[in-house]
Amino acid sequence: MSCNLSLYRTEPCKDSVGGLDKVYFVNYSSSLYSTITFDTTNTDAIESITGTPSAYEYDIKGTSSFTQNIQASRENGTTAFEQVLELTLHKLTIADHKELKLMSFNRPHVIIKDNNGNYFLAGIEHGMDVSGGTIVTGGAMGDLSGYTLTLTGMEKAPANFMESDPATVGFTVVNS
């Protein structure tokens, strides 16, 4: 792989927004990466996936965020990308309690849809670990009653864009 730059960038229009719309959790599989087909022109974009793995859809609104931190070391000659997903899930339920416990034991792959309609696949090779969070019912009536979760992954590259929604790419979306 060449490390030489090959693209310029102009100042873009101010037509994008922050925030997340949905996340989809996919049970970890060490073979997921090998089932992905990348776009031949945009080689960092996922075109399709074979095997139709289930993607469990979570609607999210408000304070959730996705950040990718570049971890580069000149001394070691290494670069990695830390992927951090911060989620706030409203309302405590028995079913969610059980599912989030299972998620904490697992290391799912995560598809993230932002408020601009972009889809990203995080934890593509190594999955994402629940590295923190809370189960909280606030002190005042207007406080959060729900869950906060932090999922962290470390990958060789930033989370890949997906060319389309999970169902079109090849996932089986579970949302009921």
N, C-alpha and C. Protein backbone atom coordinates (compact mmCIF):
# COMPACT_ATOMS: atom_id res chain seq x y z
N MET A 1 0.84 -1.18 0.00
CA MET A 1 0.00 0.00 0.00
C MET A 1 0.88 1.24 0.00
N SER A 2 0.63 2.12 -0.93
CA SER A 2 1.36 3.38 -0.99
C SER A 2 0.87 4.33 0.08
N CYS A 3 1.76 5.09 0.66
CA CYS A 3 1.38 6.08 1.68
C CYS A 3 1.33 7.49 1.12
N ASN A 4 1.56 7.63 -0.19
CA ASN A 4 1.56 8.96 -0.79
C ASN A 4 0.14 9.49 -0.94
N LEU A 5 -0.02 10.77 -0.64
CA LEU A 5 -1.33 11.41 -0.78
C LEU A 5 -1.72 11.49 -2.24
N SER A 6 -3.04 11.47 -2.51
CA SER A 6 -3.49 11.46 -3.90
C SER A 6 -4.74 12.30 -4.13
N LEU A 7 -5.15 13.09 -3.14
CA LEU A 7 -6.40 13.82 -3.27
C LEU A 7 -6.29 15.18 -2.61
N TYR A 8 -7.02 16.13 -3.14
CA TYR A 8 -7.10 17.45 -2.51
C TYR A 8 -8.48 17.58 -1.89
N ARG A 9 -8.69 18.64 -1.10
CA ARG A 9 -9.99 18.85 -0.45
C ARG A 9 -10.26 20.34 -0.39
N THR A 10 -11.43 20.73 -0.87
CA THR A 10 -11.86 22.13 -0.76
C THR A 10 -12.79 22.26 0.43
N GLU A 11 -13.05 23.49 0.85
CA GLU A 11 -13.98 23.72 1.96
C GLU A 11 -15.39 23.31 1.51
N PRO A 12 -16.02 22.34 2.20
CA PRO A 12 -17.35 21.88 1.78
C PRO A 12 -18.45 22.84 2.21
N CYS A 13 -19.63 22.65 1.65
CA CYS A 13 -20.81 23.42 2.05
C CYS A 13 -21.15 23.10 3.51
N LYS A 14 -21.85 24.00 4.16
CA LYS A 14 -22.25 23.80 5.56
C LYS A 14 -23.64 23.16 5.60
N ASP A 15 -23.76 21.97 5.01
CA ASP A 15 -25.06 21.32 4.93
C ASP A 15 -25.12 19.97 5.66
N SER A 16 -24.18 19.71 6.55
CA SER A 16 -24.23 18.47 7.32
C SER A 16 -24.54 18.78 8.78
N VAL A 17 -25.00 17.76 9.49
CA VAL A 17 -25.37 17.92 10.90
C VAL A 17 -24.73 16.80 11.71
N GLY A 18 -24.65 17.00 13.00
CA GLY A 18 -24.11 15.99 13.90
C GLY A 18 -25.21 15.07 14.40
N GLY A 19 -24.81 14.07 15.13
CA GLY A 19 -25.76 13.18 15.79
C GLY A 19 -25.97 11.86 15.07
N LEU A 20 -26.56 10.93 15.80
CA LEU A 20 -26.82 9.60 15.30
C LEU A 20 -28.32 9.34 15.25
N ASP A 21 -28.73 8.50 14.30
CA ASP A 21 -30.13 8.14 14.12
C ASP A 21 -30.44 6.73 14.59
N LYS A 22 -29.60 5.77 14.20
CA LYS A 22 -29.80 4.37 14.54
C LYS A 22 -28.45 3.68 14.69
N VAL A 23 -28.47 2.57 15.42
CA VAL A 23 -27.34 1.65 15.43
C VAL A 23 -27.90 0.25 15.23
N TYR A 24 -27.07 -0.61 14.66
CA TYR A 24 -27.44 -2.00 14.42
C TYR A 24 -26.32 -2.85 15.00
N PHE A 25 -26.69 -3.83 15.82
CA PHE A 25 -25.70 -4.71 16.42
C PHE A 25 -25.72 -6.05 15.69
N VAL A 26 -24.52 -6.52 15.32
CA VAL A 26 -24.35 -7.78 14.61
C VAL A 26 -23.48 -8.66 15.49
N ASN A 27 -23.95 -9.87 15.79
CA ASN A 27 -23.15 -10.78 16.61
C ASN A 27 -21.77 -10.95 16.00
N TYR A 28 -20.76 -10.97 16.86
CA TYR A 28 -19.37 -11.07 16.39
C TYR A 28 -19.15 -12.37 15.63
N SER A 29 -18.44 -12.25 14.52
CA SER A 29 -17.99 -13.40 13.75
C SER A 29 -16.60 -13.08 13.22
N SER A 30 -15.65 -13.96 13.49
CA SER A 30 -14.29 -13.73 13.00
C SER A 30 -14.22 -13.80 11.48
N SER A 31 -15.25 -14.35 10.84
CA SER A 31 -15.23 -14.48 9.38
C SER A 31 -16.04 -13.37 8.68
N LEU A 32 -16.63 -12.43 9.42
CA LEU A 32 -17.43 -11.39 8.78
C LEU A 32 -16.63 -10.63 7.74
N TYR A 33 -15.41 -10.25 8.07
CA TYR A 33 -14.58 -9.46 7.16
C TYR A 33 -14.39 -10.16 5.82
N SER A 34 -14.25 -11.47 5.84
CA SER A 34 -14.01 -12.21 4.60
C SER A 34 -15.26 -12.31 3.73
N THR A 35 -16.43 -11.95 4.24
CA THR A 35 -17.66 -12.01 3.45
C THR A 35 -18.03 -10.67 2.84
N ILE A 36 -17.21 -9.66 3.06
CA ILE A 36 -17.49 -8.30 2.60
C ILE A 36 -16.90 -8.08 1.21
N THR A 37 -17.68 -7.44 0.35
CA THR A 37 -17.20 -7.00 -0.95
C THR A 37 -17.08 -5.49 -0.91
N PHE A 38 -15.89 -4.98 -1.20
CA PHE A 38 -15.66 -3.54 -1.22
C PHE A 38 -15.86 -3.01 -2.63
N ASP A 39 -16.31 -1.77 -2.73
CA ASP A 39 -16.49 -1.12 -4.03
C ASP A 39 -15.14 -1.06 -4.75
N THR A 40 -15.12 -1.36 -6.04
CA THR A 40 -13.86 -1.38 -6.78
C THR A 40 -13.29 0.01 -7.00
N THR A 41 -14.13 1.04 -7.04
CA THR A 41 -13.67 2.41 -7.22
C THR A 41 -13.39 3.07 -5.88
N ASN A 42 -14.35 3.01 -4.97
CA ASN A 42 -14.20 3.56 -3.62
C ASN A 42 -13.86 2.42 -2.68
N THR A 43 -12.60 2.04 -2.65
CA THR A 43 -12.18 0.81 -1.98
C THR A 43 -12.37 0.81 -0.46
N ASP A 44 -12.72 1.95 0.14
CA ASP A 44 -13.03 1.99 1.56
C ASP A 44 -14.52 1.89 1.83
N ALA A 45 -15.33 1.70 0.79
CA ALA A 45 -16.78 1.61 0.93
C ALA A 45 -17.24 0.17 0.76
N ILE A 46 -18.10 -0.28 1.64
CA ILE A 46 -18.64 -1.64 1.58
C ILE A 46 -19.81 -1.66 0.61
N GLU A 47 -19.71 -2.53 -0.38
CA GLU A 47 -20.76 -2.66 -1.40
C GLU A 47 -21.78 -3.72 -1.02
N SER A 48 -21.30 -4.87 -0.54
CA SER A 48 -22.22 -5.95 -0.18
C SER A 48 -21.54 -6.89 0.81
N ILE A 49 -22.40 -7.76 1.35
CA ILE A 49 -21.93 -8.78 2.28
C ILE A 49 -22.69 -10.05 1.96
N THR A 50 -22.04 -11.19 2.09
CA THR A 50 -22.73 -12.45 1.83
C THR A 50 -23.05 -13.14 3.15
N GLY A 51 -24.06 -13.99 3.12
CA GLY A 51 -24.41 -14.75 4.31
C GLY A 51 -25.58 -14.18 5.11
N THR A 52 -26.03 -13.00 4.81
CA THR A 52 -27.16 -12.31 5.47
C THR A 52 -27.17 -12.43 7.00
N PRO A 53 -26.10 -11.95 7.67
CA PRO A 53 -26.12 -11.96 9.14
C PRO A 53 -27.20 -11.02 9.67
N SER A 54 -27.73 -11.33 10.84
CA SER A 54 -28.77 -10.50 11.46
C SER A 54 -28.15 -9.23 12.03
N ALA A 55 -28.84 -8.11 11.80
CA ALA A 55 -28.45 -6.80 12.34
C ALA A 55 -29.62 -6.30 13.18
N TYR A 56 -29.44 -6.21 14.49
CA TYR A 56 -30.50 -5.83 15.42
C TYR A 56 -30.54 -4.31 15.54
N GLU A 57 -31.65 -3.72 15.09
CA GLU A 57 -31.80 -2.27 14.98
C GLU A 57 -32.21 -1.64 16.31
N TYR A 58 -31.52 -0.56 16.67
CA TYR A 58 -31.85 0.25 17.85
C TYR A 58 -32.07 1.69 17.39
N ASP A 59 -33.25 2.24 17.67
CA ASP A 59 -33.48 3.66 17.41
C ASP A 59 -32.85 4.44 18.55
N ILE A 60 -32.14 5.49 18.21
CA ILE A 60 -31.52 6.34 19.23
C ILE A 60 -31.75 7.79 18.86
N LYS A 61 -31.89 8.61 19.83
CA LYS A 61 -32.05 10.06 19.62
C LYS A 61 -31.32 10.76 20.76
N GLY A 62 -30.87 11.96 20.47
CA GLY A 62 -30.33 12.78 21.55
C GLY A 62 -28.83 12.77 21.65
N THR A 63 -28.32 12.28 22.76
CA THR A 63 -26.93 12.53 23.13
C THR A 63 -25.94 11.46 22.67
N SER A 64 -26.33 10.51 21.85
CA SER A 64 -25.42 9.46 21.40
C SER A 64 -24.42 10.02 20.39
N SER A 65 -23.20 9.44 20.36
CA SER A 65 -22.17 9.93 19.45
C SER A 65 -21.22 8.81 19.05
N PHE A 66 -20.53 9.04 17.93
CA PHE A 66 -19.51 8.11 17.43
C PHE A 66 -18.27 8.90 17.11
N THR A 67 -17.14 8.51 17.71
CA THR A 67 -15.87 9.21 17.53
C THR A 67 -14.81 8.19 17.15
N GLN A 68 -13.93 8.57 16.21
CA GLN A 68 -12.80 7.72 15.85
C GLN A 68 -11.51 8.47 16.14
N ASN A 69 -10.72 7.92 17.02
CA ASN A 69 -9.46 8.53 17.43
C ASN A 69 -8.30 7.84 16.73
N ILE A 70 -7.45 8.65 16.10
CA ILE A 70 -6.27 8.10 15.43
C ILE A 70 -5.17 7.91 16.46
N GLN A 71 -4.64 6.70 16.54
CA GLN A 71 -3.59 6.35 17.48
C GLN A 71 -2.32 6.02 16.66
N ALA A 72 -1.49 7.05 16.44
CA ALA A 72 -0.30 6.87 15.61
C ALA A 72 0.96 7.04 16.45
N SER A 73 1.96 6.22 16.16
CA SER A 73 3.24 6.28 16.86
C SER A 73 4.38 6.26 15.87
N ARG A 74 5.08 7.39 15.76
CA ARG A 74 6.27 7.44 14.90
C ARG A 74 7.34 6.49 15.45
N GLU A 75 7.48 6.45 16.77
CA GLU A 75 8.50 5.61 17.40
C GLU A 75 8.32 4.14 17.05
N ASN A 76 7.06 3.67 17.04
CA ASN A 76 6.78 2.26 16.79
C ASN A 76 6.45 1.97 15.32
N GLY A 77 6.21 3.02 14.55
CA GLY A 77 5.84 2.84 13.15
C GLY A 77 4.45 2.23 12.97
N THR A 78 3.53 2.58 13.89
CA THR A 78 2.20 1.98 13.86
C THR A 78 1.11 3.05 13.82
N THR A 79 -0.02 2.67 13.27
CA THR A 79 -1.22 3.49 13.29
C THR A 79 -2.42 2.57 13.48
N ALA A 80 -3.29 2.94 14.39
CA ALA A 80 -4.53 2.20 14.63
C ALA A 80 -5.64 3.23 14.85
N PHE A 81 -6.87 2.77 14.76
CA PHE A 81 -8.02 3.66 14.89
C PHE A 81 -8.92 3.15 16.01
N GLU A 82 -9.03 3.95 17.07
CA GLU A 82 -9.91 3.63 18.18
C GLU A 82 -11.31 4.15 17.82
N GLN A 83 -12.28 3.26 17.88
CA GLN A 83 -13.66 3.61 17.56
C GLN A 83 -14.45 3.61 18.86
N VAL A 84 -15.10 4.74 19.17
CA VAL A 84 -15.81 4.89 20.43
C VAL A 84 -17.26 5.29 20.14
N LEU A 85 -18.18 4.44 20.56
CA LEU A 85 -19.61 4.68 20.40
C LEU A 85 -20.21 4.93 21.78
N GLU A 86 -20.77 6.11 21.98
CA GLU A 86 -21.43 6.47 23.25
C GLU A 86 -22.93 6.48 23.00
N LEU A 87 -23.66 5.62 23.71
CA LEU A 87 -25.11 5.49 23.50
C LEU A 87 -25.87 5.85 24.76
N THR A 88 -27.00 6.51 24.57
CA THR A 88 -27.97 6.72 25.63
C THR A 88 -29.26 6.07 25.17
N LEU A 89 -29.72 5.10 25.94
CA LEU A 89 -30.95 4.37 25.61
C LEU A 89 -31.98 4.67 26.70
N HIS A 90 -33.09 5.24 26.30
CA HIS A 90 -34.12 5.68 27.24
C HIS A 90 -35.00 4.53 27.71
N LYS A 91 -35.36 4.53 28.95
CA LYS A 91 -36.31 3.63 29.60
C LYS A 91 -35.67 2.30 29.98
N LEU A 92 -35.93 1.88 31.21
CA LEU A 92 -35.46 0.60 31.71
C LEU A 92 -36.53 -0.46 31.47
N THR A 93 -36.14 -1.59 30.88
CA THR A 93 -37.08 -2.70 30.71
C THR A 93 -36.36 -4.00 31.02
N ILE A 94 -37.12 -5.02 31.36
CA ILE A 94 -36.53 -6.33 31.64
C ILE A 94 -35.85 -6.88 30.39
N ALA A 95 -36.52 -6.77 29.23
CA ALA A 95 -35.96 -7.29 27.98
C ALA A 95 -34.65 -6.58 27.62
N ASP A 96 -34.63 -5.24 27.73
CA ASP A 96 -33.40 -4.50 27.43
C ASP A 96 -32.29 -4.85 28.41
N HIS A 97 -32.66 -5.00 29.68
CA HIS A 97 -31.69 -5.35 30.72
C HIS A 97 -30.96 -6.64 30.35
N LYS A 98 -31.73 -7.63 29.94
CA LYS A 98 -31.16 -8.92 29.56
C LYS A 98 -30.29 -8.79 28.31
N GLU A 99 -30.78 -8.07 27.31
CA GLU A 99 -30.05 -7.93 26.04
C GLU A 99 -28.74 -7.16 26.22
N LEU A 100 -28.78 -6.11 27.02
CA LEU A 100 -27.56 -5.31 27.24
C LEU A 100 -26.53 -6.08 28.06
N LYS A 101 -27.01 -6.97 28.92
CA LYS A 101 -26.08 -7.84 29.64
C LYS A 101 -25.37 -8.77 28.65
N LEU A 102 -26.14 -9.34 27.70
CA LEU A 102 -25.53 -10.21 26.68
C LEU A 102 -24.55 -9.42 25.81
N MET A 103 -24.92 -8.18 25.46
CA MET A 103 -24.04 -7.34 24.65
C MET A 103 -22.73 -7.08 25.39
N SER A 104 -22.79 -6.93 26.70
CA SER A 104 -21.59 -6.69 27.50
C SER A 104 -20.67 -7.90 27.51
N PHE A 105 -21.23 -9.10 27.38
CA PHE A 105 -20.43 -10.32 27.34
C PHE A 105 -19.87 -10.58 25.95
N ASN A 106 -20.50 -10.04 24.92
CA ASN A 106 -20.15 -10.25 23.52
C ASN A 106 -19.20 -9.15 23.06
N ARG A 107 -18.88 -9.10 21.81
CA ARG A 107 -18.12 -8.00 21.20
C ARG A 107 -18.66 -7.80 19.78
N PRO A 108 -19.83 -7.20 19.68
CA PRO A 108 -20.52 -7.12 18.39
C PRO A 108 -19.82 -6.21 17.39
N HIS A 109 -20.12 -6.45 16.13
CA HIS A 109 -19.84 -5.49 15.08
C HIS A 109 -21.00 -4.50 15.16
N VAL A 110 -20.77 -3.23 14.84
CA VAL A 110 -21.82 -2.23 14.98
C VAL A 110 -21.93 -1.40 13.71
N ILE A 111 -23.15 -1.31 13.19
CA ILE A 111 -23.44 -0.42 12.06
C ILE A 111 -24.03 0.84 12.65
N ILE A 112 -23.50 1.98 12.27
CA ILE A 112 -23.94 3.26 12.81
C ILE A 112 -24.51 4.09 11.67
N LYS A 113 -25.73 4.60 11.85
CA LYS A 113 -26.33 5.53 10.88
C LYS A 113 -26.35 6.91 11.51
N ASP A 114 -25.70 7.87 10.84
CA ASP A 114 -25.71 9.23 11.39
C ASP A 114 -26.89 10.03 10.83
N ASN A 115 -27.05 11.24 11.31
CA ASN A 115 -28.17 12.08 10.89
C ASN A 115 -28.03 12.64 9.48
N ASN A 116 -26.92 12.33 8.80
CA ASN A 116 -26.74 12.71 7.40
C ASN A 116 -27.05 11.56 6.46
N GLY A 117 -27.47 10.42 7.03
CA GLY A 117 -27.79 9.25 6.22
C GLY A 117 -26.59 8.38 5.88
N ASN A 118 -25.43 8.65 6.50
CA ASN A 118 -24.24 7.82 6.29
C ASN A 118 -24.31 6.58 7.19
N TYR A 119 -23.88 5.46 6.64
CA TYR A 119 -23.77 4.22 7.42
C TYR A 119 -22.30 3.85 7.52
N PHE A 120 -21.86 3.45 8.72
CA PHE A 120 -20.49 3.03 8.98
C PHE A 120 -20.52 1.65 9.63
N LEU A 121 -19.55 0.81 9.33
CA LEU A 121 -19.41 -0.48 10.00
C LEU A 121 -18.19 -0.41 10.92
N ALA A 122 -18.44 -0.37 12.21
CA ALA A 122 -17.37 -0.28 13.22
C ALA A 122 -17.09 -1.67 13.79
N GLY A 123 -15.85 -1.86 14.20
CA GLY A 123 -15.45 -3.15 14.76
C GLY A 123 -15.47 -4.24 13.69
N ILE A 124 -15.09 -3.87 12.49
CA ILE A 124 -15.22 -4.76 11.33
C ILE A 124 -14.43 -6.06 11.48
N GLU A 125 -13.25 -6.00 12.07
CA GLU A 125 -12.44 -7.22 12.24
C GLU A 125 -12.46 -7.74 13.67
N HIS A 126 -12.38 -6.83 14.65
CA HIS A 126 -12.20 -7.25 16.04
C HIS A 126 -13.44 -7.06 16.91
N GLY A 127 -14.49 -6.48 16.36
CA GLY A 127 -15.69 -6.22 17.15
C GLY A 127 -15.49 -5.03 18.07
N MET A 128 -16.54 -4.69 18.80
CA MET A 128 -16.49 -3.58 19.76
C MET A 128 -16.89 -4.12 21.13
N ASP A 129 -16.13 -3.76 22.14
CA ASP A 129 -16.41 -4.19 23.51
C ASP A 129 -17.18 -3.12 24.26
N VAL A 130 -18.15 -3.55 25.06
CA VAL A 130 -18.76 -2.62 26.00
C VAL A 130 -17.69 -2.35 27.05
N SER A 131 -17.20 -1.12 27.07
CA SER A 131 -16.09 -0.78 27.98
C SER A 131 -16.55 0.06 29.16
N GLY A 132 -17.82 0.39 29.21
CA GLY A 132 -18.36 1.16 30.33
C GLY A 132 -19.81 1.47 30.11
N GLY A 133 -20.40 2.08 31.12
CA GLY A 133 -21.79 2.47 31.00
C GLY A 133 -22.46 2.50 32.36
N THR A 134 -23.75 2.82 32.33
CA THR A 134 -24.53 2.88 33.57
C THR A 134 -25.93 2.37 33.31
N ILE A 135 -26.54 1.87 34.36
CA ILE A 135 -27.97 1.60 34.41
C ILE A 135 -28.48 2.58 35.44
N VAL A 136 -29.29 3.55 35.00
CA VAL A 136 -29.56 4.69 35.86
C VAL A 136 -31.04 5.04 35.89
N THR A 137 -31.50 5.40 37.06
CA THR A 137 -32.77 6.08 37.20
C THR A 137 -32.47 7.33 38.02
N GLY A 138 -32.68 8.47 37.39
CA GLY A 138 -32.26 9.74 37.99
C GLY A 138 -33.00 10.09 39.26
N GLY A 139 -32.54 11.16 39.91
CA GLY A 139 -33.13 11.60 41.16
C GLY A 139 -34.39 12.43 40.98
N ALA A 140 -34.47 13.16 39.88
CA ALA A 140 -35.63 14.02 39.63
C ALA A 140 -36.48 13.42 38.51
N MET A 141 -37.74 13.82 38.45
CA MET A 141 -38.66 13.26 37.46
C MET A 141 -38.19 13.49 36.02
N GLY A 142 -37.45 14.53 35.75
CA GLY A 142 -36.97 14.83 34.41
C GLY A 142 -35.64 14.20 34.08
N ASP A 143 -35.04 13.44 35.01
CA ASP A 143 -33.74 12.80 34.78
C ASP A 143 -33.88 11.52 33.96
N LEU A 144 -32.76 11.06 33.43
CA LEU A 144 -32.73 9.84 32.63
C LEU A 144 -33.11 8.62 33.45
N SER A 145 -33.97 7.82 32.90
CA SER A 145 -34.23 6.47 33.38
C SER A 145 -33.90 5.58 32.19
N GLY A 146 -32.74 4.95 32.23
CA GLY A 146 -32.31 4.17 31.08
C GLY A 146 -30.89 3.70 31.22
N TYR A 147 -30.24 3.57 30.08
CA TYR A 147 -28.90 3.01 30.01
C TYR A 147 -27.97 3.97 29.28
N THR A 148 -26.74 4.03 29.72
CA THR A 148 -25.68 4.65 28.94
C THR A 148 -24.64 3.56 28.69
N LEU A 149 -24.17 3.48 27.47
CA LEU A 149 -23.18 2.47 27.11
C LEU A 149 -22.03 3.11 26.35
N THR A 150 -20.84 2.64 26.62
CA THR A 150 -19.68 3.00 25.82
C THR A 150 -19.15 1.72 25.21
N LEU A 151 -19.09 1.70 23.89
CA LEU A 151 -18.49 0.58 23.16
C LEU A 151 -17.21 1.08 22.51
N THR A 152 -16.14 0.30 22.64
CA THR A 152 -14.84 0.70 22.13
C THR A 152 -14.27 -0.42 21.27
N GLY A 153 -13.73 -0.03 20.13
CA GLY A 153 -13.06 -0.97 19.24
C GLY A 153 -11.73 -0.42 18.79
N MET A 154 -10.83 -1.28 18.41
CA MET A 154 -9.52 -0.88 17.89
C MET A 154 -9.32 -1.63 16.58
N GLU A 155 -9.13 -0.86 15.49
CA GLU A 155 -9.04 -1.45 14.16
C GLU A 155 -7.85 -0.89 13.40
N LYS A 156 -7.49 -1.53 12.31
CA LYS A 156 -6.38 -1.10 11.45
C LYS A 156 -6.74 0.10 10.60
N ALA A 157 -8.04 0.33 10.39
CA ALA A 157 -8.52 1.41 9.53
C ALA A 157 -9.76 2.04 10.17
N PRO A 158 -10.12 3.25 9.76
CA PRO A 158 -11.36 3.84 10.27
C PRO A 158 -12.55 2.98 9.87
N ALA A 159 -13.67 3.15 10.55
CA ALA A 159 -14.89 2.43 10.22
C ALA A 159 -15.25 2.70 8.76
N ASN A 160 -15.51 1.65 8.02
CA ASN A 160 -15.83 1.79 6.61
C ASN A 160 -17.22 2.36 6.39
N PHE A 161 -17.35 3.23 5.40
CA PHE A 161 -18.67 3.64 4.93
C PHE A 161 -19.33 2.42 4.30
N MET A 162 -20.65 2.34 4.38
CA MET A 162 -21.42 1.36 3.63
C MET A 162 -22.15 2.13 2.52
N GLU A 163 -22.22 1.56 1.33
CA GLU A 163 -22.82 2.26 0.20
C GLU A 163 -24.33 2.41 0.31
N SER A 164 -24.94 1.65 1.21
CA SER A 164 -26.39 1.70 1.34
C SER A 164 -26.78 1.24 2.73
N ASP A 165 -28.09 1.16 2.97
CA ASP A 165 -28.58 0.72 4.28
C ASP A 165 -28.24 -0.77 4.47
N PRO A 166 -28.28 -1.25 5.72
CA PRO A 166 -27.86 -2.62 6.00
C PRO A 166 -28.61 -3.69 5.20
N ALA A 167 -29.93 -3.53 5.01
CA ALA A 167 -30.70 -4.54 4.29
C ALA A 167 -30.26 -4.63 2.83
N THR A 168 -30.00 -3.49 2.20
CA THR A 168 -29.58 -3.48 0.79
C THR A 168 -28.18 -4.06 0.64
N VAL A 169 -27.31 -3.83 1.61
CA VAL A 169 -25.94 -4.36 1.57
C VAL A 169 -25.93 -5.87 1.75
N GLY A 170 -26.92 -6.42 2.50
CA GLY A 170 -26.98 -7.87 2.65
C GLY A 170 -27.24 -8.37 4.05
N PHE A 171 -27.45 -7.48 5.02
CA PHE A 171 -27.78 -7.89 6.37
C PHE A 171 -29.29 -8.17 6.46
N THR A 172 -29.68 -9.03 7.38
CA THR A 172 -31.08 -9.23 7.70
C THR A 172 -31.40 -8.32 8.88
N VAL A 173 -32.16 -7.25 8.65
CA VAL A 173 -32.46 -6.28 9.70
C VAL A 173 -33.59 -6.80 10.56
N VAL A 174 -33.34 -6.86 11.87
CA VAL A 174 -34.34 -7.31 12.83
C VAL A 174 -34.80 -6.07 13.59
N ASN A 175 -36.08 -5.69 13.37
CA ASN A 175 -36.58 -4.47 14.02
C ASN A 175 -37.99 -4.64 14.55
N SER A 176 -38.41 -5.86 14.80
CA SER A 176 -39.70 -6.08 15.46
C SER A 176 -39.70 -7.41 16.18
